[in-house]
Amino acid sequence: MYHTWMRYFTPSPTHHKLGLVCLGVGLQHGALPAVGPRTLDHHVAVVVSAGAGWYRHPDGRRVAVTAPALIWLIPGVPHHYGPDPATGWDESFVDFTGPATTTYTELGYIEPDRPVVPLADTAATRAAVGRIARAARRGNPFLEVETGAAVHELLVALRRARADVGADGDPVLQALARDAFQPLSVAEHASRHGMTPAELRAAVRRAAGCSPKDYLLGIRLGRAKELLAATELPVAAVARRVGYDDPAYFSRLFTRRVGTAPVRFRDQQGRTVHGGWSHRIPDPEHPPTIATRPT
């Protein structure tokens, strides 16, 4: 026996411009029938949260699927999979498409070359699927936007849930972030971690979907924006604080990447905060409140 609940959607061309749209969602458990062989024209994330089964590659190789696990169904790639008929499994699936899938693939969130991905946990992914399922109620005027936004959330949750990613993220990225403001070359960063530059590039590309240079640049420019907005430090001092000894080079780089010069950014975003900004991340569920005075 098995139980199945599913809904399918047809977003408009306008909704497709959002980058990602949800085409369907389903929750199933039990001794489900095998799926395929078949080929789809869109992506599907199949999350197995309990039980076990199998997946057959297009070349005929069959691999075991043991929960918690993710099965990627990629457009144009034949697939064939199913649970163990004796035990079944608990499964949720989300069908989606859109131009943003190309970028998510480039960033490593979607892995066409690894159709079966072991997961450490499925709680966050099931929560994202649950939001899609709740949005799927009949007559919901926000259906396409709500479900599309939840697909973005699902892809992030799946990336975090991989069994090969620690709770605090990739250790190579942590180390790079720690040393990001030091004036070090990529080769010097690699040497610090006992890696060749090629090994470091491969590790960062695998973990962050970009080069070490771009990863470090994102951290540096983010901090530079904070200093420009919250302090009156000269641009040259800001440049040195984030690892650039040449303020002219920093200004050119900032302008090219941000789209506006550092001085102009400060004019637009400047917020002089006496004592500096807080580094404590507020709790969204318990935000600070301003005590009202009696009138």
C-alpha atoms as a PDB file:
ATOM      1  CA  MET A   1       0.000   0.000   0.000  1.00  0.00           C
ATOM      2  CA  TYR A   2       1.063   3.574  -0.559  1.00  0.00           C
ATOM      3  CA  HIS A   3      -0.384   7.059  -0.167  1.00  0.00           C
ATOM      4  CA  THR A   4       0.038   9.942  -2.604  1.00  0.00           C
ATOM      5  CA  TRP A   5      -0.878  13.638  -2.568  1.00  0.00           C
ATOM      6  CA  MET A   6       0.182  15.949  -5.379  1.00  0.00           C
ATOM      7  CA  ARG A   7      -0.693  19.221  -7.129  1.00  0.00           C
ATOM      8  CA  TYR A   8       0.477  20.617 -10.469  1.00  0.00           C
ATOM      9  CA  PHE A   9       0.629  24.266 -11.594  1.00  0.00           C
ATOM     10  CA  THR A  10       0.845  26.172 -14.865  1.00  0.00           C
ATOM     11  CA  PRO A  11       2.535  29.538 -14.180  1.00  0.00           C
ATOM     12  CA  SER A  12       2.028  32.324 -16.691  1.00  0.00           C
ATOM     13  CA  PRO A  13       4.794  33.677 -18.956  1.00  0.00           C
ATOM     14  CA  THR A  14       5.022  36.696 -16.652  1.00  0.00           C
ATOM     15  CA  HIS A  15       5.736  34.478 -13.638  1.00  0.00           C
ATOM     16  CA  HIS A  16       8.495  32.720 -15.578  1.00  0.00           C
ATOM     17  CA  LYS A  17      10.312  36.066 -15.648  1.00  0.00           C
ATOM     18  CA  LEU A  18      10.838  35.697 -11.883  1.00  0.00           C
ATOM     19  CA  GLY A  19      13.583  33.182 -12.685  1.00  0.00           C
ATOM     20  CA  LEU A  20      12.130  30.092 -11.025  1.00  0.00           C
ATOM     21  CA  VAL A  21       8.595  28.727 -11.095  1.00  0.00           C
ATOM     22  CA  CYS A  22       7.151  25.705  -9.360  1.00  0.00           C
ATOM     23  CA  LEU A  23       5.382  23.238 -11.651  1.00  0.00           C
ATOM     24  CA  GLY A  24       4.265  20.744  -9.044  1.00  0.00           C
ATOM     25  CA  VAL A  25       4.629  19.322  -5.556  1.00  0.00           C
ATOM     26  CA  GLY A  26       3.928  15.931  -4.051  1.00  0.00           C
ATOM     27  CA  LEU A  27       4.114  14.010  -0.786  1.00  0.00           C
ATOM     28  CA  GLN A  28       4.143  10.207  -0.926  1.00  0.00           C
ATOM     29  CA  HIS A  29       4.951   7.286   1.323  1.00  0.00           C
ATOM     30  CA  GLY A  30       4.814   3.524   1.248  1.00  0.00           C
ATOM     31  CA  ALA A  31       5.672   0.888  -1.340  1.00  0.00           C
ATOM     32  CA  LEU A  32       5.391   3.287  -4.273  1.00  0.00           C
ATOM     33  CA  PRO A  33       5.636   2.008  -7.844  1.00  0.00           C
ATOM     34  CA  ALA A  34       8.884   2.606  -9.721  1.00  0.00           C
ATOM     35  CA  VAL A  35       9.164   5.763 -11.823  1.00  0.00           C
ATOM     36  CA  GLY A  36      10.351   5.503 -15.426  1.00  0.00           C
ATOM     37  CA  PRO A  37      12.255   4.929 -17.491  1.00  0.00           C
ATOM     38  CA  ARG A  38      11.252   8.407 -18.667  1.00  0.00           C
ATOM     39  CA  THR A  39      12.702  11.793 -19.627  1.00  0.00           C
ATOM     40  CA  LEU A  40      11.380  15.185 -18.499  1.00  0.00           C
ATOM     41  CA  ASP A  41      11.777  18.721 -19.856  1.00  0.00           C
ATOM     42  CA  HIS A  42      12.198  20.322 -16.403  1.00  0.00           C
ATOM     43  CA  HIS A  43      13.963  19.769 -13.077  1.00  0.00           C
ATOM     44  CA  VAL A  44      12.620  17.728 -10.176  1.00  0.00           C
ATOM     45  CA  ALA A  45      14.068  17.450  -6.668  1.00  0.00           C
ATOM     46  CA  VAL A  46      13.008  14.162  -5.050  1.00  0.00           C
ATOM     47  CA  VAL A  47      13.735  14.103  -1.316  1.00  0.00           C
ATOM     48  CA  VAL A  48      13.692  10.690   0.382  1.00  0.00           C
ATOM     49  CA  SER A  49      13.392  11.197   4.126  1.00  0.00           C
ATOM     50  CA  ALA A  50      12.894   7.588   5.256  1.00  0.00           C
ATOM     51  CA  GLY A  51      13.364   4.152   3.749  1.00  0.00           C
ATOM     52  CA  ALA A  52      15.535   2.927   0.901  1.00  0.00           C
ATOM     53  CA  GLY A  53      15.419   2.110  -2.781  1.00  0.00           C
ATOM     54  CA  TRP A  54      17.413   2.408  -5.999  1.00  0.00           C
ATOM     55  CA  TYR A  55      18.269   4.674  -8.903  1.00  0.00           C
ATOM     56  CA  ARG A  56      19.307   3.505 -12.373  1.00  0.00           C
ATOM     57  CA  HIS A  57      21.678   5.688 -14.412  1.00  0.00           C
ATOM     58  CA  PRO A  58      21.121   6.196 -18.146  1.00  0.00           C
ATOM     59  CA  ASP A  59      24.022   3.796 -18.809  1.00  0.00           C
ATOM     60  CA  GLY A  60      22.271   1.053 -16.847  1.00  0.00           C
ATOM     61  CA  ARG A  61      24.251   1.273 -13.596  1.00  0.00           C
ATOM     62  CA  ARG A  62      22.038   0.805 -10.568  1.00  0.00           C
ATOM     63  CA  VAL A  63      22.908   2.449  -7.245  1.00  0.00           C
ATOM     64  CA  ALA A  64      21.340   2.192  -3.816  1.00  0.00           C
ATOM     65  CA  VAL A  65      19.379   5.114  -2.371  1.00  0.00           C
ATOM     66  CA  THR A  66      19.293   5.244   1.423  1.00  0.00           C
ATOM     67  CA  ALA A  67      17.447   7.968   3.311  1.00  0.00           C
ATOM     68  CA  PRO A  68      18.039  10.767   3.890  1.00  0.00           C
ATOM     69  CA  ALA A  69      18.886  11.398   0.259  1.00  0.00           C
ATOM     70  CA  LEU A  70      18.156  13.626  -2.712  1.00  0.00           C
ATOM     71  CA  ILE A  71      17.519  12.430  -6.261  1.00  0.00           C
ATOM     72  CA  TRP A  72      18.015  15.024  -9.007  1.00  0.00           C
ATOM     73  CA  LEU A  73      15.947  14.598 -12.162  1.00  0.00           C
ATOM     74  CA  ILE A  74      17.556  16.708 -14.887  1.00  0.00           C
ATOM     75  CA  PRO A  75      15.832  17.885 -18.085  1.00  0.00           C
ATOM     76  CA  GLY A  76      16.630  15.709 -21.075  1.00  0.00           C
ATOM     77  CA  VAL A  77      18.327  12.979 -18.989  1.00  0.00           C
ATOM     78  CA  PRO A  78      16.535   9.600 -18.787  1.00  0.00           C
ATOM     79  CA  HIS A  79      15.879   8.384 -15.248  1.00  0.00           C
ATOM     80  CA  HIS A  80      14.472   5.300 -13.545  1.00  0.00           C
ATOM     81  CA  TYR A  81      14.105   4.895  -9.775  1.00  0.00           C
ATOM     82  CA  GLY A  82      11.927   3.466  -7.042  1.00  0.00           C
ATOM     83  CA  PRO A  83      11.711   2.375  -3.416  1.00  0.00           C
ATOM     84  CA  ASP A  84      12.403  -1.091  -2.089  1.00  0.00           C
ATOM     85  CA  PRO A  85       9.060  -2.853  -2.640  1.00  0.00           C
ATOM     86  CA  ALA A  86       9.343  -4.594   0.723  1.00  0.00           C
ATOM     87  CA  THR A  87       9.806  -1.439   2.798  1.00  0.00           C
ATOM     88  CA  GLY A  88       8.858   1.544   0.645  1.00  0.00           C
ATOM     89  CA  TRP A  89      10.031   5.048   1.463  1.00  0.00           C
ATOM     90  CA  ASP A  90       8.838   8.537   2.436  1.00  0.00           C
ATOM     91  CA  GLU A  91       9.221  10.916  -0.485  1.00  0.00           C
ATOM     92  CA  SER A  92       8.490  14.528  -1.336  1.00  0.00           C
ATOM     93  CA  PHE A  93       9.083  16.027  -4.748  1.00  0.00           C
ATOM     94  CA  VAL A  94       9.080  19.466  -6.326  1.00  0.00           C
ATOM     95  CA  ASP A  95       8.965  20.084 -10.092  1.00  0.00           C
ATOM     96  CA  PHE A  96      10.426  23.423 -11.195  1.00  0.00           C
ATOM     97  CA  THR A  97      11.906  25.288 -14.135  1.00  0.00           C
ATOM     98  CA  GLY A  98      13.160  28.700 -15.189  1.00  0.00           C
ATOM     99  CA  PRO A  99      16.285  30.521 -16.376  1.00  0.00           C
ATOM    100  CA  ALA A 100      17.669  30.665 -12.823  1.00  0.00           C
ATOM    101  CA  THR A 101      18.289  26.903 -12.936  1.00  0.00           C
ATOM    102  CA  THR A 102      21.324  27.616 -15.126  1.00  0.00           C
ATOM    103  CA  THR A 103      22.840  29.866 -12.473  1.00  0.00           C
ATOM    104  CA  TYR A 104      22.005  27.464  -9.632  1.00  0.00           C
ATOM    105  CA  THR A 105      23.782  24.746 -11.612  1.00  0.00           C
ATOM    106  CA  GLU A 106      26.834  26.953 -12.159  1.00  0.00           C
ATOM    107  CA  LEU A 107      26.910  27.666  -8.422  1.00  0.00           C
ATOM    108  CA  GLY A 108      26.767  23.947  -7.608  1.00  0.00           C
ATOM    109  CA  TYR A 109      23.312  23.940  -5.993  1.00  0.00           C
ATOM    110  CA  ILE A 110      21.985  21.645  -8.736  1.00  0.00           C
ATOM    111  CA  GLU A 111      24.325  18.768  -9.648  1.00  0.00           C
ATOM    112  CA  PRO A 112      23.565  17.110 -13.000  1.00  0.00           C
ATOM    113  CA  ASP A 113      26.594  14.823 -12.629  1.00  0.00           C
ATOM    114  CA  ARG A 114      25.515  13.562  -9.182  1.00  0.00           C
ATOM    115  CA  PRO A 115      21.883  12.446  -9.419  1.00  0.00           C
ATOM    116  CA  VAL A 116      21.891  10.782  -5.972  1.00  0.00           C
ATOM    117  CA  VAL A 117      23.114  13.004  -3.135  1.00  0.00           C
ATOM    118  CA  PRO A 118      23.339  11.798   0.493  1.00  0.00           C
ATOM    119  CA  LEU A 119      21.817  14.276   2.938  1.00  0.00           C
ATOM    120  CA  ALA A 120      22.532  14.839   6.617  1.00  0.00           C
ATOM    121  CA  ASP A 121      18.984  15.943   7.432  1.00  0.00           C
ATOM    122  CA  THR A 122      15.710  16.709   5.655  1.00  0.00           C
ATOM    123  CA  ALA A 123      13.947  18.929   8.204  1.00  0.00           C
ATOM    124  CA  ALA A 124      14.629  22.235   6.400  1.00  0.00           C
ATOM    125  CA  THR A 125      13.873  20.778   2.990  1.00  0.00           C
ATOM    126  CA  ARG A 126      10.594  19.302   4.187  1.00  0.00           C
ATOM    127  CA  ALA A 127       9.685  22.689   5.678  1.00  0.00           C
ATOM    128  CA  ALA A 128      10.221  24.318   2.261  1.00  0.00           C
ATOM    129  CA  VAL A 129       8.134  21.627   0.577  1.00  0.00           C
ATOM    130  CA  GLY A 130       5.476  22.165   3.239  1.00  0.00           C
ATOM    131  CA  ARG A 131       5.287  25.857   2.351  1.00  0.00           C
ATOM    132  CA  ILE A 132       4.687  24.918  -1.283  1.00  0.00           C
ATOM    133  CA  ALA A 133       2.015  22.420  -0.261  1.00  0.00           C
ATOM    134  CA  ARG A 134       0.217  24.993   1.897  1.00  0.00           C
ATOM    135  CA  ALA A 135       0.386  27.578  -0.904  1.00  0.00           C
ATOM    136  CA  ALA A 136      -1.214  25.033  -3.233  1.00  0.00           C
ATOM    137  CA  ARG A 137      -4.669  25.554  -1.731  1.00  0.00           C
ATOM    138  CA  ARG A 138      -7.339  26.190  -4.316  1.00  0.00           C
ATOM    139  CA  GLY A 139      -7.929  29.822  -5.197  1.00  0.00           C
ATOM    140  CA  ASN A 140      -4.700  31.170  -3.663  1.00  0.00           C
ATOM    141  CA  PRO A 141      -4.065  34.434  -5.584  1.00  0.00           C
ATOM    142  CA  PHE A 142      -0.370  34.365  -4.614  1.00  0.00           C
ATOM    143  CA  LEU A 143       0.196  30.748  -5.667  1.00  0.00           C
ATOM    144  CA  GLU A 144       2.829  31.227  -8.380  1.00  0.00           C
ATOM    145  CA  VAL A 145       4.896  33.789  -6.482  1.00  0.00           C
ATOM    146  CA  GLU A 146       4.730  31.928  -3.149  1.00  0.00           C
ATOM    147  CA  THR A 147       5.676  28.584  -4.664  1.00  0.00           C
ATOM    148  CA  GLY A 148       8.410  30.109  -6.834  1.00  0.00           C
ATOM    149  CA  ALA A 149       9.958  31.798  -3.791  1.00  0.00           C
ATOM    150  CA  ALA A 150       9.810  28.497  -1.901  1.00  0.00           C
ATOM    151  CA  VAL A 151      11.749  26.765  -4.696  1.00  0.00           C
ATOM    152  CA  HIS A 152      14.624  29.204  -4.100  1.00  0.00           C
ATOM    153  CA  GLU A 153      14.403  28.368  -0.393  1.00  0.00           C
ATOM    154  CA  LEU A 154      14.340  24.646  -1.172  1.00  0.00           C
ATOM    155  CA  LEU A 155      17.518  24.830  -3.271  1.00  0.00           C
ATOM    156  CA  VAL A 156      19.347  26.602  -0.450  1.00  0.00           C
ATOM    157  CA  ALA A 157      18.055  24.072   2.104  1.00  0.00           C
ATOM    158  CA  LEU A 158      19.195  21.176  -0.078  1.00  0.00           C
ATOM    159  CA  ARG A 159      22.640  22.730  -0.452  1.00  0.00           C
ATOM    160  CA  ARG A 160      22.971  23.090   3.322  1.00  0.00           C
ATOM    161  CA  ALA A 161      21.645  19.575   3.957  1.00  0.00           C
ATOM    162  CA  ARG A 162      24.314  17.721   1.985  1.00  0.00           C
ATOM    163  CA  ALA A 163      26.065  15.099   4.058  1.00  0.00           C
ATOM    164  CA  ASP A 164      29.477  16.333   2.840  1.00  0.00           C
ATOM    165  CA  VAL A 165      28.893  19.865   4.191  1.00  0.00           C
ATOM    166  CA  GLY A 166      29.466  20.541   7.895  1.00  0.00           C
ATOM    167  CA  ALA A 167      26.989  22.416  10.057  1.00  0.00           C
ATOM    168  CA  ASP A 168      29.223  25.488   9.898  1.00  0.00           C
ATOM    169  CA  GLY A 169      29.833  25.248   6.161  1.00  0.00           C
ATOM    170  CA  ASP A 170      32.888  24.310   4.170  1.00  0.00           C
ATOM    171  CA  PRO A 171      36.150  24.611   6.202  1.00  0.00           C
ATOM    172  CA  VAL A 172      38.051  26.005   3.197  1.00  0.00           C
ATOM    173  CA  LEU A 173      35.531  28.846   2.845  1.00  0.00           C
ATOM    174  CA  GLN A 174      35.676  29.488   6.583  1.00  0.00           C
ATOM    175  CA  ALA A 175      39.452  29.813   6.424  1.00  0.00           C
ATOM    176  CA  LEU A 176      39.315  32.126   3.413  1.00  0.00           C
ATOM    177  CA  ALA A 177      36.729  34.313   5.131  1.00  0.00           C
ATOM    178  CA  ARG A 178      38.899  34.527   8.238  1.00  0.00           C
ATOM    179  CA  ASP A 179      41.897  35.751   6.203  1.00  0.00           C
ATOM    180  CA  ALA A 180      39.915  37.719   3.617  1.00  0.00           C
ATOM    181  CA  PHE A 181      41.183  41.164   4.643  1.00  0.00           C
ATOM    182  CA  GLN A 182      44.844  40.282   4.536  1.00  0.00           C
ATOM    183  CA  PRO A 183      46.706  41.375   1.370  1.00  0.00           C
ATOM    184  CA  LEU A 184      47.378  37.820   0.197  1.00  0.00           C
ATOM    185  CA  SER A 185      47.390  36.386  -3.305  1.00  0.00           C
ATOM    186  CA  VAL A 186      45.396  33.283  -4.200  1.00  0.00           C
ATOM    187  CA  ALA A 187      48.668  31.335  -4.269  1.00  0.00           C
ATOM    188  CA  GLU A 188      49.505  32.560  -0.743  1.00  0.00           C
ATOM    189  CA  HIS A 189      46.041  31.593   0.510  1.00  0.00           C
ATOM    190  CA  ALA A 190      46.488  28.139  -1.026  1.00  0.00           C
ATOM    191  CA  SER A 191      49.898  27.716   0.603  1.00  0.00           C
ATOM    192  CA  ARG A 192      48.424  28.573   4.005  1.00  0.00           C
ATOM    193  CA  HIS A 193      45.993  25.678   3.639  1.00  0.00           C
ATOM    194  CA  GLY A 194      48.546  23.212   2.280  1.00  0.00           C
ATOM    195  CA  MET A 195      47.003  23.281  -1.178  1.00  0.00           C
ATOM    196  CA  THR A 196      48.108  24.161  -4.666  1.00  0.00           C
ATOM    197  CA  PRO A 197      46.330  27.114  -6.332  1.00  0.00           C
ATOM    198  CA  ALA A 198      44.543  24.632  -8.619  1.00  0.00           C
ATOM    199  CA  GLU A 199      43.330  22.590  -5.634  1.00  0.00           C
ATOM    200  CA  LEU A 200      42.108  25.739  -3.889  1.00  0.00           C
ATOM    201  CA  ARG A 201      40.261  26.894  -7.010  1.00  0.00           C
ATOM    202  CA  ALA A 202      38.598  23.492  -7.339  1.00  0.00           C
ATOM    203  CA  ALA A 203      37.589  23.429  -3.658  1.00  0.00           C
ATOM    204  CA  VAL A 204      36.110  26.929  -3.710  1.00  0.00           C
ATOM    205  CA  ARG A 205      34.362  26.310  -7.027  1.00  0.00           C
ATOM    206  CA  ARG A 206      32.833  23.137  -5.570  1.00  0.00           C
ATOM    207  CA  ALA A 207      31.751  24.814  -2.314  1.00  0.00           C
ATOM    208  CA  ALA A 208      30.776  28.325  -3.454  1.00  0.00           C
ATOM    209  CA  GLY A 209      30.354  28.084  -7.216  1.00  0.00           C
ATOM    210  CA  CYS A 210      32.931  30.793  -7.928  1.00  0.00           C
ATOM    211  CA  SER A 211      36.668  31.403  -7.977  1.00  0.00           C
ATOM    212  CA  PRO A 212      38.651  32.154  -4.788  1.00  0.00           C
ATOM    213  CA  LYS A 213      39.247  35.677  -6.119  1.00  0.00           C
ATOM    214  CA  ASP A 214      35.520  36.336  -6.532  1.00  0.00           C
ATOM    215  CA  TYR A 215      34.724  34.769  -3.163  1.00  0.00           C
ATOM    216  CA  LEU A 216      37.252  36.980  -1.386  1.00  0.00           C
ATOM    217  CA  LEU A 217      36.134  40.017  -3.361  1.00  0.00           C
ATOM    218  CA  GLY A 218      32.547  39.564  -2.243  1.00  0.00           C
ATOM    219  CA  ILE A 219      33.609  39.520   1.417  1.00  0.00           C
ATOM    220  CA  ARG A 220      35.924  42.508   1.007  1.00  0.00           C
ATOM    221  CA  LEU A 221      33.423  44.676  -0.837  1.00  0.00           C
ATOM    222  CA  GLY A 222      30.674  43.808   1.641  1.00  0.00           C
ATOM    223  CA  ARG A 223      32.870  45.007   4.509  1.00  0.00           C
ATOM    224  CA  ALA A 224      33.932  48.083   2.529  1.00  0.00           C
ATOM    225  CA  LYS A 225      30.275  49.036   2.045  1.00  0.00           C
ATOM    226  CA  GLU A 226      29.675  48.748   5.790  1.00  0.00           C
ATOM    227  CA  LEU A 227      32.660  50.989   6.564  1.00  0.00           C
ATOM    228  CA  LEU A 228      31.645  53.557   3.947  1.00  0.00           C
ATOM    229  CA  ALA A 229      28.053  53.645   5.201  1.00  0.00           C
ATOM    230  CA  ALA A 230      28.706  53.609   8.941  1.00  0.00           C
ATOM    231  CA  THR A 231      31.981  55.503   9.426  1.00  0.00           C
ATOM    232  CA  GLU A 232      33.720  58.637   8.237  1.00  0.00           C
ATOM    233  CA  LEU A 233      36.960  56.833   7.414  1.00  0.00           C
ATOM    234  CA  PRO A 234      38.655  58.144   4.264  1.00  0.00           C
ATOM    235  CA  VAL A 235      38.358  55.894   1.231  1.00  0.00           C
ATOM    236  CA  ALA A 236      42.098  55.132   1.449  1.00  0.00           C
ATOM    237  CA  ALA A 237      41.643  53.905   5.038  1.00  0.00           C
ATOM    238  CA  VAL A 238      38.661  51.777   4.026  1.00  0.00           C
ATOM    239  CA  ALA A 239      40.754  50.253   1.243  1.00  0.00           C
ATOM    240  CA  ARG A 240      43.521  49.310   3.697  1.00  0.00           C
ATOM    241  CA  ARG A 241      40.993  47.864   6.167  1.00  0.00           C
ATOM    242  CA  VAL A 242      39.736  45.425   3.548  1.00  0.00           C
ATOM    243  CA  GLY A 243      43.117  44.385   2.195  1.00  0.00           C
ATOM    244  CA  TYR A 244      44.037  46.872  -0.571  1.00  0.00           C
ATOM    245  CA  ASP A 245      47.198  48.951  -0.203  1.00  0.00           C
ATOM    246  CA  ASP A 246      46.457  50.911  -3.385  1.00  0.00           C
ATOM    247  CA  PRO A 247      43.358  53.102  -2.817  1.00  0.00           C
ATOM    248  CA  ALA A 248      43.139  54.027  -6.520  1.00  0.00           C
ATOM    249  CA  TYR A 249      42.978  50.347  -7.477  1.00  0.00           C
ATOM    250  CA  PHE A 250      40.379  49.751  -4.749  1.00  0.00           C
ATOM    251  CA  SER A 251      38.236  52.627  -6.054  1.00  0.00           C
ATOM    252  CA  ARG A 252      38.377  51.313  -9.616  1.00  0.00           C
ATOM    253  CA  LEU A 253      37.533  47.801  -8.477  1.00  0.00           C
ATOM    254  CA  PHE A 254      34.683  49.002  -6.243  1.00  0.00           C
ATOM    255  CA  THR A 255      33.234  51.138  -9.037  1.00  0.00           C
ATOM    256  CA  ARG A 256      33.399  48.317 -11.554  1.00  0.00           C
ATOM    257  CA  ARG A 257      31.790  45.731  -9.286  1.00  0.00           C
ATOM    258  CA  VAL A 258      29.280  47.885  -7.384  1.00  0.00           C
ATOM    259  CA  GLY A 259      28.380  50.204 -10.230  1.00  0.00           C
ATOM    260  CA  THR A 260      29.136  53.393  -8.332  1.00  0.00           C
ATOM    261  CA  ALA A 261      32.252  54.980  -6.856  1.00  0.00           C
ATOM    262  CA  PRO A 262      32.982  54.595  -3.112  1.00  0.00           C
ATOM    263  CA  VAL A 263      32.353  58.304  -2.439  1.00  0.00           C
ATOM    264  CA  ARG A 264      29.055  58.159  -4.296  1.00  0.00           C
ATOM    265  CA  PHE A 265      28.052  55.006  -2.398  1.00  0.00           C
ATOM    266  CA  ARG A 266      28.745  56.807   0.871  1.00  0.00           C
ATOM    267  CA  ASP A 267      26.591  59.756  -0.227  1.00  0.00           C
ATOM    268  CA  GLN A 268      23.727  57.393  -1.014  1.00  0.00           C
ATOM    269  CA  GLN A 269      23.969  55.007   1.925  1.00  0.00           C
ATOM    270  CA  GLY A 270      25.833  56.875   4.635  1.00  0.00           C
ATOM    271  CA  ARG A 271      24.497  56.282   8.126  1.00  0.00           C
ATOM    272  CA  THR A 272      26.839  57.694  10.752  1.00  0.00           C
ATOM    273  CA  VAL A 273      26.403  55.456  13.789  1.00  0.00           C
ATOM    274  CA  HIS A 274      28.137  56.694  16.926  1.00  0.00           C
ATOM    275  CA  GLY A 275      29.830  53.731  18.529  1.00  0.00           C
ATOM    276  CA  GLY A 276      29.597  51.665  15.326  1.00  0.00           C
ATOM    277  CA  TRP A 277      27.169  49.096  14.070  1.00  0.00           C
ATOM    278  CA  SER A 278      26.212  46.116  16.179  1.00  0.00           C
ATOM    279  CA  HIS A 279      27.762  42.788  15.165  1.00  0.00           C
ATOM    280  CA  ARG A 280      25.034  40.870  16.961  1.00  0.00           C
ATOM    281  CA  ILE A 281      22.507  39.372  14.560  1.00  0.00           C
ATOM    282  CA  PRO A 282      18.974  40.157  15.772  1.00  0.00           C
ATOM    283  CA  ASP A 283      16.425  37.410  16.265  1.00  0.00           C
ATOM    284  CA  PRO A 284      13.697  37.936  13.627  1.00  0.00           C
ATOM    285  CA  GLU A 285      11.148  36.248  15.891  1.00  0.00           C
ATOM    286  CA  HIS A 286      11.987  38.532  18.833  1.00  0.00           C
ATOM    287  CA  PRO A 287      13.078  41.872  17.357  1.00  0.00           C
ATOM    288  CA  PRO A 288      14.154  44.703  19.649  1.00  0.00           C
ATOM    289  CA  THR A 289      11.423  47.189  20.423  1.00  0.00           C
ATOM    290  CA  ILE A 290      11.465  50.866  21.301  1.00  0.00           C
ATOM    291  CA  ALA A 291       9.973  51.494  24.705  1.00  0.00           C
ATOM    292  CA  THR A 292       7.267  54.148  24.526  1.00  0.00           C
ATOM    293  CA  ARG A 293       7.213  56.950  27.045  1.00  0.00           C
ATOM    294  CA  PRO A 294       3.967  57.850  28.776  1.00  0.00           C
ATOM    295  CA  THR A 295       2.386  61.004  27.374  1.00  0.00           C
END
